[in-house]
């Protein structure tokens, strides 16, 4: 992959990471700002359910941030866009759709089929 494309993906990954980190900061602030004195147990339960849902989303985002960091490392060390399994280049279209991917579409399909056979 040429330097121009690598720079494009580096900026894309950094932008995604920064947006996710900003959202996490907003969530923390919002959760600490609310006055949580609800006399009605139903209101309290609703608030807790909403918080749990938001926290599950943020946990998924935390995992995505880790994948973004690893993808940025691959950009730096020159392995970004190379399939971990077969060593071939990952298509640019696939990288645009999922820049944190480590497998080409063929290897990803193969992996998913193997998981189905194992019952994962």
PDB file of N, CA and C in Angstrom:
ATOM      1  N   UNK A   1       0.855  -1.171   0.000  1.00  0.00           N
ATOM      2  CA  UNK A   1       0.000   0.000   0.000  1.00  0.00           C
ATOM      3  C   UNK A   1       0.904   1.237   0.000  1.00  0.00           C
ATOM      4  N   UNK A   2       0.522   2.210  -0.816  1.00  0.00           N
ATOM      5  CA  UNK A   2       1.373   3.397  -0.902  1.00  0.00           C
ATOM      6  C   UNK A   2       1.173   4.329   0.300  1.00  0.00           C
ATOM      7  N   UNK A   3       2.091   5.276   0.456  1.00  0.00           N
ATOM      8  CA  UNK A   3       2.094   6.161   1.627  1.00  0.00           C
ATOM      9  C   UNK A   3       0.839   7.018   1.714  1.00  0.00           C
ATOM     10  N   UNK A   4       0.332   7.444   0.563  1.00  0.00           N
ATOM     11  CA  UNK A   4      -0.867   8.289   0.547  1.00  0.00           C
ATOM     12  C   UNK A   4      -2.072   7.536   1.115  1.00  0.00           C
ATOM     13  N   UNK A   5      -2.229   6.282   0.709  1.00  0.00           N
ATOM     14  CA  UNK A   5      -3.343   5.469   1.213  1.00  0.00           C
ATOM     15  C   UNK A   5      -3.160   5.155   2.696  1.00  0.00           C
ATOM     16  N   UNK A   6      -1.929   4.849   3.092  1.00  0.00           N
ATOM     17  CA  UNK A   6      -1.665   4.587   4.515  1.00  0.00           C
ATOM     18  C   UNK A   6      -2.005   5.816   5.359  1.00  0.00           C
ATOM     19  N   UNK A   7      -1.656   6.980   4.873  1.00  0.00           N
ATOM     20  CA  UNK A   7      -1.958   8.220   5.596  1.00  0.00           C
ATOM     21  C   UNK A   7      -3.470   8.419   5.689  1.00  0.00           C
ATOM     22  N   UNK A   8      -4.193   8.108   4.614  1.00  0.00           N
ATOM     23  CA  UNK A   8      -5.649   8.203   4.632  1.00  0.00           C
ATOM     24  C   UNK A   8      -6.230   7.317   5.737  1.00  0.00           C
ATOM     25  N   UNK A   9      -5.775   6.073   5.793  1.00  0.00           N
ATOM     26  CA  UNK A   9      -6.296   5.147   6.794  1.00  0.00           C
ATOM     27  C   UNK A   9      -5.847   5.525   8.204  1.00  0.00           C
ATOM     28  N   UNK A  10      -4.641   6.047   8.347  1.00  0.00           N
ATOM     29  CA  UNK A  10      -4.185   6.495   9.665  1.00  0.00           C
ATOM     30  C   UNK A  10      -5.097   7.606  10.183  1.00  0.00           C
ATOM     31  N   UNK A  11      -5.398   8.576   9.321  1.00  0.00           N
ATOM     32  CA  UNK A  11      -6.279   9.681   9.726  1.00  0.00           C
ATOM     33  C   UNK A  11      -7.695   9.188  10.026  1.00  0.00           C
ATOM     34  N   UNK A  12      -8.179   8.253   9.214  1.00  0.00           N
ATOM     35  CA  UNK A  12      -9.504   7.683   9.435  1.00  0.00           C
ATOM     36  C   UNK A  12      -9.572   6.981  10.791  1.00  0.00           C
ATOM     37  N   UNK A  13      -8.574   6.182  11.099  1.00  0.00           N
ATOM     38  CA  UNK A  13      -8.528   5.466  12.374  1.00  0.00           C
ATOM     39  C   UNK A  13      -8.406   6.423  13.551  1.00  0.00           C
ATOM     40  N   UNK A  14      -7.558   7.429  13.423  1.00  0.00           N
ATOM     41  CA  UNK A  14      -7.400   8.407  14.503  1.00  0.00           C
ATOM     42  C   UNK A  14      -8.692   9.174  14.742  1.00  0.00           C
ATOM     43  N   UNK A  15      -9.395   9.511  13.668  1.00  0.00           N
ATOM     44  CA  UNK A  15     -10.670  10.226  13.800  1.00  0.00           C
ATOM     45  C   UNK A  15     -11.689   9.347  14.530  1.00  0.00           C
ATOM     46  N   UNK A  16     -11.781   8.076  14.133  1.00  0.00           N
ATOM     47  CA  UNK A  16     -12.708   7.162  14.807  1.00  0.00           C
ATOM     48  C   UNK A  16     -12.372   7.045  16.290  1.00  0.00           C
ATOM     49  N   UNK A  17     -11.084   6.875  16.587  1.00  0.00           N
ATOM     50  CA  UNK A  17     -10.660   6.745  17.989  1.00  0.00           C
ATOM     51  C   UNK A  17     -11.015   7.997  18.782  1.00  0.00           C
ATOM     52  N   UNK A  18     -10.739   9.155  18.223  1.00  0.00           N
ATOM     53  CA  UNK A  18     -11.017  10.408  18.923  1.00  0.00           C
ATOM     54  C   UNK A  18     -12.513  10.601  19.172  1.00  0.00           C
ATOM     55  N   UNK A  19     -13.330  10.226  18.187  1.00  0.00           N
ATOM     56  CA  UNK A  19     -14.787  10.329  18.363  1.00  0.00           C
ATOM     57  C   UNK A  19     -15.278   9.395  19.463  1.00  0.00           C
ATOM     58  N   UNK A  20     -14.753   8.179  19.489  1.00  0.00           N
ATOM     59  CA  UNK A  20     -15.154   7.216  20.524  1.00  0.00           C
ATOM     60  C   UNK A  20     -14.728   7.690  21.909  1.00  0.00           C
ATOM     61  N   UNK A  21     -13.530   8.232  22.015  1.00  0.00           N
ATOM     62  CA  UNK A  21     -13.047   8.735  23.304  1.00  0.00           C
ATOM     63  C   UNK A  21     -13.872   9.932  23.774  1.00  0.00           C
ATOM     64  N   UNK A  22     -14.259  10.791  22.835  1.00  0.00           N
ATOM     65  CA  UNK A  22     -15.098  11.937  23.195  1.00  0.00           C
ATOM     66  C   UNK A  22     -16.454  11.478  23.710  1.00  0.00           C
ATOM     67  N   UNK A  23     -17.037  10.485  23.032  1.00  0.00           N
ATOM     68  CA  UNK A  23     -18.321   9.940  23.474  1.00  0.00           C
ATOM     69  C   UNK A  23     -18.213   9.327  24.871  1.00  0.00           C
ATOM     70  N   UNK A  24     -17.130   8.636  25.126  1.00  0.00           N
ATOM     71  CA  UNK A  24     -16.931   8.036  26.450  1.00  0.00           C
ATOM     72  C   UNK A  24     -16.854   9.122  27.515  1.00  0.00           C
ATOM     73  N   UNK A  25     -16.165  10.202  27.211  1.00  0.00           N
ATOM     74  CA  UNK A  25     -16.071  11.319  28.157  1.00  0.00           C
ATOM     75  C   UNK A  25     -17.418  11.940  28.445  1.00  0.00           C
ATOM     76  N   UNK A  26     -18.232  12.077  27.409  1.00  0.00           N
ATOM     77  CA  UNK A  26     -19.572  12.634  27.583  1.00  0.00           C
ATOM     78  C   UNK A  26     -20.414  11.713  28.464  1.00  0.00           C
ATOM     79  N   UNK A  27     -20.299  10.424  28.253  1.00  0.00           N
ATOM     80  CA  UNK A  27     -21.058   9.462  29.045  1.00  0.00           C
ATOM     81  C   UNK A  27     -20.676   9.536  30.520  1.00  0.00           C
ATOM     82  N   UNK A  28     -19.383   9.576  30.784  1.00  0.00           N
ATOM     83  CA  UNK A  28     -18.925   9.653  32.175  1.00  0.00           C
ATOM     84  C   UNK A  28     -19.449  10.922  32.839  1.00  0.00           C
ATOM     85  N   UNK A  29     -19.354  12.034  32.132  1.00  0.00           N
ATOM     86  CA  UNK A  29     -19.831  13.303  32.682  1.00  0.00           C
ATOM     87  C   UNK A  29     -21.330  13.255  32.925  1.00  0.00           C
ATOM     88  N   UNK A  30     -22.079  12.734  31.970  1.00  0.00           N
ATOM     89  CA  UNK A  30     -23.538  12.667  32.112  1.00  0.00           C
ATOM     90  C   UNK A  30     -23.947  11.768  33.271  1.00  0.00           C
ATOM     91  N   UNK A  31     -23.231  10.662  33.447  1.00  0.00           N
ATOM     92  CA  UNK A  31     -23.592   9.752  34.530  1.00  0.00           C
ATOM     93  C   UNK A  31     -23.244  10.325  35.899  1.00  0.00           C
ATOM     94  N   UNK A  32     -22.235  11.155  35.964  1.00  0.00           N
ATOM     95  CA  UNK A  32     -21.855  11.717  37.256  1.00  0.00           C
ATOM     96  C   UNK A  32     -22.612  12.995  37.572  1.00  0.00           C
ATOM     97  N   UNK A  33     -23.220  13.627  36.568  1.00  0.00           N
ATOM     98  CA  UNK A  33     -23.956  14.875  36.779  1.00  0.00           C
ATOM     99  C   UNK A  33     -25.376  14.675  37.270  1.00  0.00           C
ATOM    100  N   UNK A  34     -25.978  13.553  36.960  1.00  0.00           N
ATOM    101  CA  UNK A  34     -27.388  13.349  37.275  1.00  0.00           C
ATOM    102  C   UNK A  34     -27.610  13.208  38.772  1.00  0.00           C
ATOM    103  N   UNK A  35     -28.659  13.882  39.239  1.00  0.00           N
ATOM    104  CA  UNK A  35     -29.105  13.666  40.607  1.00  0.00           C
ATOM    105  C   UNK A  35     -29.956  12.416  40.617  1.00  0.00           C
ATOM    106  N   UNK A  36     -29.539  11.416  41.318  1.00  0.00           N
ATOM    107  CA  UNK A  36     -30.198  10.116  41.244  1.00  0.00           C
ATOM    108  C   UNK A  36     -31.137   9.848  42.412  1.00  0.00           C
ATOM    109  N   UNK A  37     -31.906  10.844  42.791  1.00  0.00           N
ATOM    110  CA  UNK A  37     -32.862  10.595  43.867  1.00  0.00           C
ATOM    111  C   UNK A  37     -34.259  10.487  43.260  1.00  0.00           C
ATOM    112  N   UNK A  38     -34.651   9.249  43.008  1.00  0.00           N
ATOM    113  CA  UNK A  38     -35.968   8.961  42.442  1.00  0.00           C
ATOM    114  C   UNK A  38     -36.814   8.272  43.497  1.00  0.00           C
ATOM    115  N   UNK A  39     -37.888   8.932  43.924  1.00  0.00           N
ATOM    116  CA  UNK A  39     -38.754   8.276  44.902  1.00  0.00           C
ATOM    117  C   UNK A  39     -39.527   7.101  44.299  1.00  0.00           C
ATOM    118  N   UNK A  40     -39.740   7.140  42.991  1.00  0.00           N
ATOM    119  CA  UNK A  40     -40.509   6.082  42.328  1.00  0.00           C
ATOM    120  C   UNK A  40     -39.567   4.958  41.892  1.00  0.00           C
ATOM    121  N   UNK A  41     -39.764   3.737  42.382  1.00  0.00           N
ATOM    122  CA  UNK A  41     -38.886   2.622  42.015  1.00  0.00           C
ATOM    123  C   UNK A  41     -38.880   2.318  40.514  1.00  0.00           C
ATOM    124  N   UNK A  42     -39.981   2.575  39.842  1.00  0.00           N
ATOM    125  CA  UNK A  42     -40.039   2.324  38.400  1.00  0.00           C
ATOM    126  C   UNK A  42     -39.125   3.291  37.652  1.00  0.00           C
ATOM    127  N   UNK A  43     -39.122   4.559  38.082  1.00  0.00           N
ATOM    128  CA  UNK A  43     -38.218   5.536  37.466  1.00  0.00           C
ATOM    129  C   UNK A  43     -36.767   5.139  37.699  1.00  0.00           C
ATOM    130  N   UNK A  44     -36.485   4.682  38.894  1.00  0.00           N
ATOM    131  CA  UNK A  44     -35.129   4.250  39.243  1.00  0.00           C
ATOM    132  C   UNK A  44     -34.716   3.044  38.390  1.00  0.00           C
ATOM    133  N   UNK A  45     -35.615   2.087  38.234  1.00  0.00           N
ATOM    134  CA  UNK A  45     -35.325   0.897  37.433  1.00  0.00           C
ATOM    135  C   UNK A  45     -35.100   1.280  35.970  1.00  0.00           C
ATOM    136  N   UNK A  46     -35.881   2.217  35.485  1.00  0.00           N
ATOM    137  CA  UNK A  46     -35.724   2.677  34.109  1.00  0.00           C
ATOM    138  C   UNK A  46     -34.360   3.338  33.906  1.00  0.00           C
ATOM    139  N   UNK A  47     -33.952   4.162  34.864  1.00  0.00           N
ATOM    140  CA  UNK A  47     -32.637   4.803  34.800  1.00  0.00           C
ATOM    141  C   UNK A  47     -31.526   3.762  34.807  1.00  0.00           C
ATOM    142  N   UNK A  48     -31.645   2.775  35.663  1.00  0.00           N
ATOM    143  CA  UNK A  48     -30.628   1.714  35.740  1.00  0.00           C
ATOM    144  C   UNK A  48     -30.564   0.911  34.449  1.00  0.00           C
ATOM    145  N   UNK A  49     -31.711   0.614  33.864  1.00  0.00           N
ATOM    146  CA  UNK A  49     -31.731  -0.123  32.599  1.00  0.00           C
ATOM    147  C   UNK A  49     -31.058   0.697  31.499  1.00  0.00           C
ATOM    148  N   UNK A  50     -31.357   1.983  31.458  1.00  0.00           N
ATOM    149  CA  UNK A  50     -30.725   2.865  30.468  1.00  0.00           C
ATOM    150  C   UNK A  50     -29.211   2.918  30.664  1.00  0.00           C
ATOM    151  N   UNK A  51     -28.783   3.035  31.903  1.00  0.00           N
ATOM    152  CA  UNK A  51     -27.345   3.076  32.197  1.00  0.00           C
ATOM    153  C   UNK A  51     -26.651   1.784  31.787  1.00  0.00           C
ATOM    154  N   UNK A  52     -27.269   0.670  32.093  1.00  0.00           N
ATOM    155  CA  UNK A  52     -26.681  -0.624  31.724  1.00  0.00           C
ATOM    156  C   UNK A  52     -26.544  -0.749  30.210  1.00  0.00           C
ATOM    157  N   UNK A  53     -27.556  -0.292  29.494  1.00  0.00           N
ATOM    158  CA  UNK A  53     -27.505  -0.325  28.034  1.00  0.00           C
ATOM    159  C   UNK A  53     -26.353   0.550  27.518  1.00  0.00           C
ATOM    160  N   UNK A  54     -26.247   1.743  28.037  1.00  0.00           N
ATOM    161  CA  UNK A  54     -25.178   2.661  27.622  1.00  0.00           C
ATOM    162  C   UNK A  54     -23.812   2.081  27.969  1.00  0.00           C
ATOM    163  N   UNK A  55     -23.697   1.486  29.129  1.00  0.00           N
ATOM    164  CA  UNK A  55     -22.415   0.904  29.530  1.00  0.00           C
ATOM    165  C   UNK A  55     -22.029  -0.281  28.646  1.00  0.00           C
ATOM    166  N   UNK A  56     -23.001  -1.070  28.214  1.00  0.00           N
ATOM    167  CA  UNK A  56     -22.701  -2.165  27.276  1.00  0.00           C
ATOM    168  C   UNK A  56     -22.186  -1.611  25.950  1.00  0.00           C
ATOM    169  N   UNK A  57     -22.804  -0.535  25.491  1.00  0.00           N
ATOM    170  CA  UNK A  57     -22.339   0.106  24.249  1.00  0.00           C
ATOM    171  C   UNK A  57     -20.921   0.624  24.434  1.00  0.00           C
ATOM    172  N   UNK A  58     -20.659   1.277  25.545  1.00  0.00           N
ATOM    173  CA  UNK A  58     -19.325   1.828  25.793  1.00  0.00           C
ATOM    174  C   UNK A  58     -18.280   0.717  25.922  1.00  0.00           C
ATOM    175  N   UNK A  59     -18.663  -0.428  26.453  1.00  0.00           N
ATOM    176  CA  UNK A  59     -17.732  -1.561  26.546  1.00  0.00           C
ATOM    177  C   UNK A  59     -17.361  -2.050  25.149  1.00  0.00           C
ATOM    178  N   UNK A  60     -18.334  -2.120  24.269  1.00  0.00           N
ATOM    179  CA  UNK A  60     -18.046  -2.503  22.881  1.00  0.00           C
ATOM    180  C   UNK A  60     -17.138  -1.471  22.222  1.00  0.00           C
ATOM    181  N   UNK A  61     -17.395  -0.202  22.514  1.00  0.00           N
ATOM    182  CA  UNK A  61     -16.563   0.864  21.954  1.00  0.00           C
ATOM    183  C   UNK A  61     -15.142   0.800  22.508  1.00  0.00           C
ATOM    184  N   UNK A  62     -15.007   0.422  23.781  1.00  0.00           N
ATOM    185  CA  UNK A  62     -13.681   0.285  24.378  1.00  0.00           C
ATOM    186  C   UNK A  62     -12.888  -0.794  23.640  1.00  0.00           C
ATOM    187  N   UNK A  63     -13.551  -1.882  23.322  1.00  0.00           N
ATOM    188  CA  UNK A  63     -12.888  -2.956  22.573  1.00  0.00           C
ATOM    189  C   UNK A  63     -12.519  -2.480  21.173  1.00  0.00           C
ATOM    190  N   UNK A  64     -13.382  -1.672  20.568  1.00  0.00           N
ATOM    191  CA  UNK A  64     -13.085  -1.130  19.240  1.00  0.00           C
ATOM    192  C   UNK A  64     -11.892  -0.180  19.302  1.00  0.00           C
ATOM    193  N   UNK A  65     -11.798   0.604  20.355  1.00  0.00           N
ATOM    194  CA  UNK A  65     -10.647   1.504  20.511  1.00  0.00           C
ATOM    195  C   UNK A  65      -9.354   0.696  20.563  1.00  0.00           C
ATOM    196  N   UNK A  66      -9.369  -0.419  21.270  1.00  0.00           N
ATOM    197  CA  UNK A  66      -8.177  -1.279  21.330  1.00  0.00           C
ATOM    198  C   UNK A  66      -7.826  -1.803  19.937  1.00  0.00           C
ATOM    199  N   UNK A  67      -8.838  -2.177  19.157  1.00  0.00           N
ATOM    200  CA  UNK A  67      -8.585  -2.646  17.789  1.00  0.00           C
ATOM    201  C   UNK A  67      -8.043  -1.517  16.917  1.00  0.00           C
ATOM    202  N   UNK A  68      -8.547  -0.317  17.135  1.00  0.00           N
ATOM    203  CA  UNK A  68      -8.053   0.842  16.382  1.00  0.00           C
ATOM    204  C   UNK A  68      -6.587   1.084  16.712  1.00  0.00           C
ATOM    205  N   UNK A  69      -6.238   0.996  17.993  1.00  0.00           N
ATOM    206  CA  UNK A  69      -4.836   1.193  18.403  1.00  0.00           C
ATOM    207  C   UNK A  69      -3.928   0.162  17.730  1.00  0.00           C
ATOM    208  N   UNK A  70      -4.384  -1.078  17.667  1.00  0.00           N
ATOM    209  CA  UNK A  70      -3.589  -2.124  17.013  1.00  0.00           C
ATOM    210  C   UNK A  70      -3.466  -1.859  15.517  1.00  0.00           C
ATOM    211  N   UNK A  71      -4.550  -1.376  14.900  1.00  0.00           N
ATOM    212  CA  UNK A  71      -4.501  -1.046  13.474  1.00  0.00           C
ATOM    213  C   UNK A  71      -3.515   0.099  13.228  1.00  0.00           C
ATOM    214  N   UNK A  72      -3.498   1.081  14.125  1.00  0.00           N
ATOM    215  CA  UNK A  72      -2.544   2.187  13.992  1.00  0.00           C
ATOM    216  C   UNK A  72      -1.105   1.683  14.125  1.00  0.00           C
ATOM    217  N   UNK A  73      -0.901   0.701  15.002  1.00  0.00           N
ATOM    218  CA  UNK A  73       0.433   0.086  15.117  1.00  0.00           C
ATOM    219  C   UNK A  73       0.817  -0.594  13.806  1.00  0.00           C
ATOM    220  N   UNK A  74      -0.153  -1.261  13.172  1.00  0.00           N
ATOM    221  CA  UNK A  74       0.126  -1.916  11.891  1.00  0.00           C
ATOM    222  C   UNK A  74       0.441  -0.892  10.801  1.00  0.00           C
ATOM    223  N   UNK A  75      -0.213   0.269  10.854  1.00  0.00           N
ATOM    224  CA  UNK A  75       0.113   1.337   9.902  1.00  0.00           C
ATOM    225  C   UNK A  75       1.569   1.737  10.087  1.00  0.00           C
ATOM    226  N   UNK A  76       1.972   1.908  11.349  1.00  0.00           N
ATOM    227  CA  UNK A  76       3.341   2.344  11.653  1.00  0.00           C
ATOM    228  C   UNK A  76       4.389   1.301  11.266  1.00  0.00           C
ATOM    229  N   UNK A  77       4.080   0.029  11.496  1.00  0.00           N
ATOM    230  CA  UNK A  77       5.109  -0.986  11.219  1.00  0.00           C
ATOM    231  C   UNK A  77       5.017  -1.594   9.815  1.00  0.00           C
ATOM    232  N   UNK A  78       4.083  -1.071   9.003  1.00  0.00           N
ATOM    233  CA  UNK A  78       4.023  -1.486   7.603  1.00  0.00           C
ATOM    234  C   UNK A  78       3.242  -2.753   7.319  1.00  0.00           C
ATOM    235  N   UNK A  79       2.483  -3.258   8.295  1.00  0.00           N
ATOM    236  CA  UNK A  79       1.706  -4.477   8.065  1.00  0.00           C
ATOM    237  C   UNK A  79       0.222  -4.202   7.881  1.00  0.00           C
ATOM    238  N   UNK A  80      -0.179  -2.936   7.907  1.00  0.00           N
ATOM    239  CA  UNK A  80      -1.593  -2.591   7.725  1.00  0.00           C
ATOM    240  C   UNK A  80      -2.030  -2.979   6.322  1.00  0.00           C
ATOM    241  N   UNK A  81      -3.199  -3.599   6.233  1.00  0.00           N
ATOM    242  CA  UNK A  81      -3.745  -3.970   4.939  1.00  0.00           C
ATOM    243  C   UNK A  81      -3.257  -5.315   4.421  1.00  0.00           C
ATOM    244  N   UNK A  82      -2.495  -6.031   5.246  1.00  0.00           N
ATOM    245  CA  UNK A  82      -2.007  -7.361   4.887  1.00  0.00           C
ATOM    246  C   UNK A  82      -2.760  -8.385   5.743  1.00  0.00           C
ATOM    247  N   UNK A  83      -3.344  -9.376   5.098  1.00  0.00           N
ATOM    248  CA  UNK A  83      -4.110 -10.405   5.799  1.00  0.00           C
ATOM    249  C   UNK A  83      -3.184 -11.210   6.719  1.00  0.00           C
ATOM    250  N   UNK A  84      -3.593 -11.344   7.981  1.00  0.00           N
ATOM    251  CA  UNK A  84      -2.810 -12.115   8.958  1.00  0.00           C
ATOM    252  C   UNK A  84      -2.739 -13.592   8.601  1.00  0.00           C
ATOM    253  N   UNK A  85      -3.734 -14.083   7.898  1.00  0.00           N
ATOM    254  CA  UNK A  85      -3.836 -15.513   7.644  1.00  0.00           C
ATOM    255  C   UNK A  85      -3.105 -15.941   6.367  1.00  0.00           C
ATOM    256  N   UNK A  86      -3.356 -15.224   5.264  1.00  0.00           N
ATOM    257  CA  UNK A  86      -2.792 -15.665   3.983  1.00  0.00           C
ATOM    258  C   UNK A  86      -1.654 -14.773   3.482  1.00  0.00           C
ATOM    259  N   UNK A  87      -1.497 -13.596   4.088  1.00  0.00           N
ATOM    260  CA  UNK A  87      -0.416 -12.702   3.687  1.00  0.00           C
ATOM    261  C   UNK A  87      -0.698 -11.861   2.461  1.00  0.00           C
ATOM    262  N   UNK A  88      -1.889 -11.997   1.895  1.00  0.00           N
ATOM    263  CA  UNK A  88      -2.272 -11.199   0.727  1.00  0.00           C
ATOM    264  C   UNK A  88      -2.786  -9.828   1.183  1.00  0.00           C
ATOM    265  N   UNK A  89      -2.835  -8.894   0.221  1.00  0.00           N
ATOM    266  CA  UNK A  89      -3.382  -7.572   0.543  1.00  0.00           C
ATOM    267  C   UNK A  89      -4.887  -7.663   0.754  1.00  0.00           C
ATOM    268  N   UNK A  90      -5.368  -6.924   1.742  1.00  0.00           N
ATOM    269  CA  UNK A  90      -6.803  -6.798   1.993  1.00  0.00           C
ATOM    270  C   UNK A  90      -7.311  -5.709   1.055  1.00  0.00           C
ATOM    271  N   UNK A  91      -8.459  -5.939   0.430  1.00  0.00           N
ATOM    272  CA  UNK A  91      -8.970  -4.964  -0.535  1.00  0.00           C
ATOM    273  C   UNK A  91      -9.231  -3.618   0.143  1.00  0.00           C
ATOM    274  N   UNK A  92      -9.018  -2.572  -0.644  1.00  0.00           N
ATOM    275  CA  UNK A  92      -9.223  -1.222  -0.134  1.00  0.00           C
ATOM    276  C   UNK A  92     -10.684  -1.014   0.269  1.00  0.00           C
ATOM    277  N   UNK A  93     -11.611  -1.611  -0.470  1.00  0.00           N
ATOM    278  CA  UNK A  93     -13.034  -1.488  -0.144  1.00  0.00           C
ATOM    279  C   UNK A  93     -13.322  -2.089   1.230  1.00  0.00           C
ATOM    280  N   UNK A  94     -12.720  -3.232   1.506  1.00  0.00           N
ATOM    281  CA  UNK A  94     -12.910  -3.870   2.819  1.00  0.00           C
ATOM    282  C   UNK A  94     -12.313  -3.006   3.914  1.00  0.00           C
ATOM    283  N   UNK A  95     -11.148  -2.452   3.675  1.00  0.00           N
ATOM    284  CA  UNK A  95     -10.509  -1.595   4.675  1.00  0.00           C
ATOM    285  C   UNK A  95     -11.316  -0.326   4.930  1.00  0.00           C
ATOM    286  N   UNK A  96     -11.932   0.204   3.888  1.00  0.00           N
ATOM    287  CA  UNK A  96     -12.776   1.389   4.078  1.00  0.00           C
ATOM    288  C   UNK A  96     -14.000   1.048   4.910  1.00  0.00           C
ATOM    289  N   UNK A  97     -14.560  -0.124   4.686  1.00  0.00           N
ATOM    290  CA  UNK A  97     -15.742  -0.551   5.435  1.00  0.00           C
ATOM    291  C   UNK A  97     -15.396  -0.910   6.875  1.00  0.00           C
ATOM    292  N   UNK A  98     -14.237  -1.523   7.083  1.00  0.00           N
ATOM    293  CA  UNK A  98     -13.811  -1.964   8.417  1.00  0.00           C
ATOM    294  C   UNK A  98     -12.297  -1.821   8.522  1.00  0.00           C
ATOM    295  N   UNK A  99     -11.829  -0.612   8.826  1.00  0.00           N
ATOM    296  CA  UNK A  99     -10.379  -0.377   8.826  1.00  0.00           C
ATOM    297  C   UNK A  99      -9.591  -1.152   9.885  1.00  0.00           C
ATOM    298  N   UNK A 100     -10.266  -1.726  10.869  1.00  0.00           N
ATOM    299  CA  UNK A 100      -9.552  -2.481  11.903  1.00  0.00           C
ATOM    300  C   UNK A 100      -9.381  -3.951  11.533  1.00  0.00           C
ATOM    301  N   UNK A 101      -9.899  -4.345  10.379  1.00  0.00           N
ATOM    302  CA  UNK A 101      -9.856  -5.749   9.995  1.00  0.00           C
ATOM    303  C   UNK A 101      -8.420  -6.245   9.829  1.00  0.00           C
ATOM    304  N   UNK A 102      -8.239  -7.510  10.115  1.00  0.00           N
ATOM    305  CA  UNK A 102      -6.921  -8.130   9.957  1.00  0.00           C
ATOM    306  C   UNK A 102      -6.957  -9.277   8.955  1.00  0.00           C
ATOM    307  N   UNK A 103      -8.144  -9.556   8.416  1.00  0.00           N
ATOM    308  CA  UNK A 103      -8.304 -10.658   7.473  1.00  0.00           C
ATOM    309  C   UNK A 103      -8.930 -10.165   6.172  1.00  0.00           C
ATOM    310  N   UNK A 104      -8.478 -10.720   5.060  1.00  0.00           N
ATOM    311  CA  UNK A 104      -9.129 -10.440   3.775  1.00  0.00           C
ATOM    312  C   UNK A 104     -10.503 -11.105   3.804  1.00  0.00           C
ATOM    313  N   UNK A 105     -11.344 -10.747   2.875  1.00  0.00           N
ATOM    314  CA  UNK A 105     -12.713 -11.255   2.890  1.00  0.00           C
ATOM    315  C   UNK A 105     -12.765 -12.774   2.754  1.00  0.00           C
ATOM    316  N   UNK A 106     -11.886 -13.327   1.940  1.00  0.00           N
ATOM    317  CA  UNK A 106     -11.888 -14.783   1.754  1.00  0.00           C
ATOM    318  C   UNK A 106     -11.530 -15.500   3.058  1.00  0.00           C
ATOM    319  N   UNK A 107     -10.497 -15.017   3.733  1.00  0.00           N
ATOM    320  CA  UNK A 107     -10.080 -15.648   4.994  1.00  0.00           C
ATOM    321  C   UNK A 107     -11.124 -15.430   6.087  1.00  0.00           C
ATOM    322  N   UNK A 108     -11.793 -14.273   6.085  1.00  0.00           N
ATOM    323  CA  UNK A 108     -12.831 -14.019   7.072  1.00  0.00           C
ATOM    324  C   UNK A 108     -14.006 -14.966   6.862  1.00  0.00           C
ATOM    325  N   UNK A 109     -14.392 -15.163   5.609  1.00  0.00           N
ATOM    326  CA  UNK A 109     -15.472 -16.107   5.317  1.00  0.00           C
ATOM    327  C   UNK A 109     -15.089 -17.521   5.737  1.00  0.00           C
ATOM    328  N   UNK A 110     -13.844 -17.886   5.460  1.00  0.00           N
ATOM    329  CA  UNK A 110     -13.343 -19.203   5.854  1.00  0.00           C
ATOM    330  C   UNK A 110     -13.394 -19.362   7.379  1.00  0.00           C
ATOM    331  N   UNK A 111     -12.957 -18.325   8.092  1.00  0.00           N
ATOM    332  CA  UNK A 111     -12.979 -18.339   9.557  1.00  0.00           C
ATOM    333  C   UNK A 111     -14.410 -18.498  10.077  1.00  0.00           C
ATOM    334  N   UNK A 112     -15.346 -17.755   9.495  1.00  0.00           N
ATOM    335  CA  UNK A 112     -16.741 -17.846   9.927  1.00  0.00           C
ATOM    336  C   UNK A 112     -17.323 -19.229   9.656  1.00  0.00           C
ATOM    337  N   UNK A 113     -16.971 -19.811   8.531  1.00  0.00           N
ATOM    338  CA  UNK A 113     -17.442 -21.167   8.227  1.00  0.00           C
ATOM    339  C   UNK A 113     -16.883 -22.186   9.213  1.00  0.00           C
ATOM    340  N   UNK A 114     -15.607 -22.027   9.575  1.00  0.00           N
ATOM    341  CA  UNK A 114     -15.000 -22.920  10.571  1.00  0.00           C
ATOM    342  C   UNK A 114     -15.698 -22.774  11.919  1.00  0.00           C
ATOM    343  N   UNK A 115     -16.039 -21.546  12.292  1.00  0.00           N
ATOM    344  CA  UNK A 115     -16.743 -21.308  13.554  1.00  0.00           C
ATOM    345  C   UNK A 115     -18.121 -21.957  13.541  1.00  0.00           C
ATOM    346  N   UNK A 116     -18.803 -21.889  12.416  1.00  0.00           N
ATOM    347  CA  UNK A 116     -20.126 -22.526  12.301  1.00  0.00           C
ATOM    348  C   UNK A 116     -20.020 -24.030  12.487  1.00  0.00           C
ATOM    349  N   UNK A 117     -18.986 -24.613  11.883  1.00  0.00           N
ATOM    350  CA  UNK A 117     -18.791 -26.055  12.002  1.00  0.00           C
ATOM    351  C   UNK A 117     -18.486 -26.471  13.441  1.00  0.00           C
ATOM    352  N   UNK A 118     -17.749 -25.627  14.159  1.00  0.00           N
ATOM    353  CA  UNK A 118     -17.413 -25.928  15.562  1.00  0.00           C
ATOM    354  C   UNK A 118     -18.576 -25.600  16.498  1.00  0.00           C
ATOM    355  N   UNK A 119     -19.514 -24.763  16.019  1.00  0.00           N
ATOM    356  CA  UNK A 119     -20.645 -24.381  16.857  1.00  0.00           C
ATOM    357  C   UNK A 119     -20.376 -23.189  17.737  1.00  0.00           C
ATOM    358  N   UNK A 120     -19.382 -22.367  17.373  1.00  0.00           N
ATOM    359  CA  UNK A 120     -19.065 -21.152  18.159  1.00  0.00           C
ATOM    360  C   UNK A 120     -20.164 -20.131  18.069  1.00  0.00           C
TER     361      UNK A 120
END
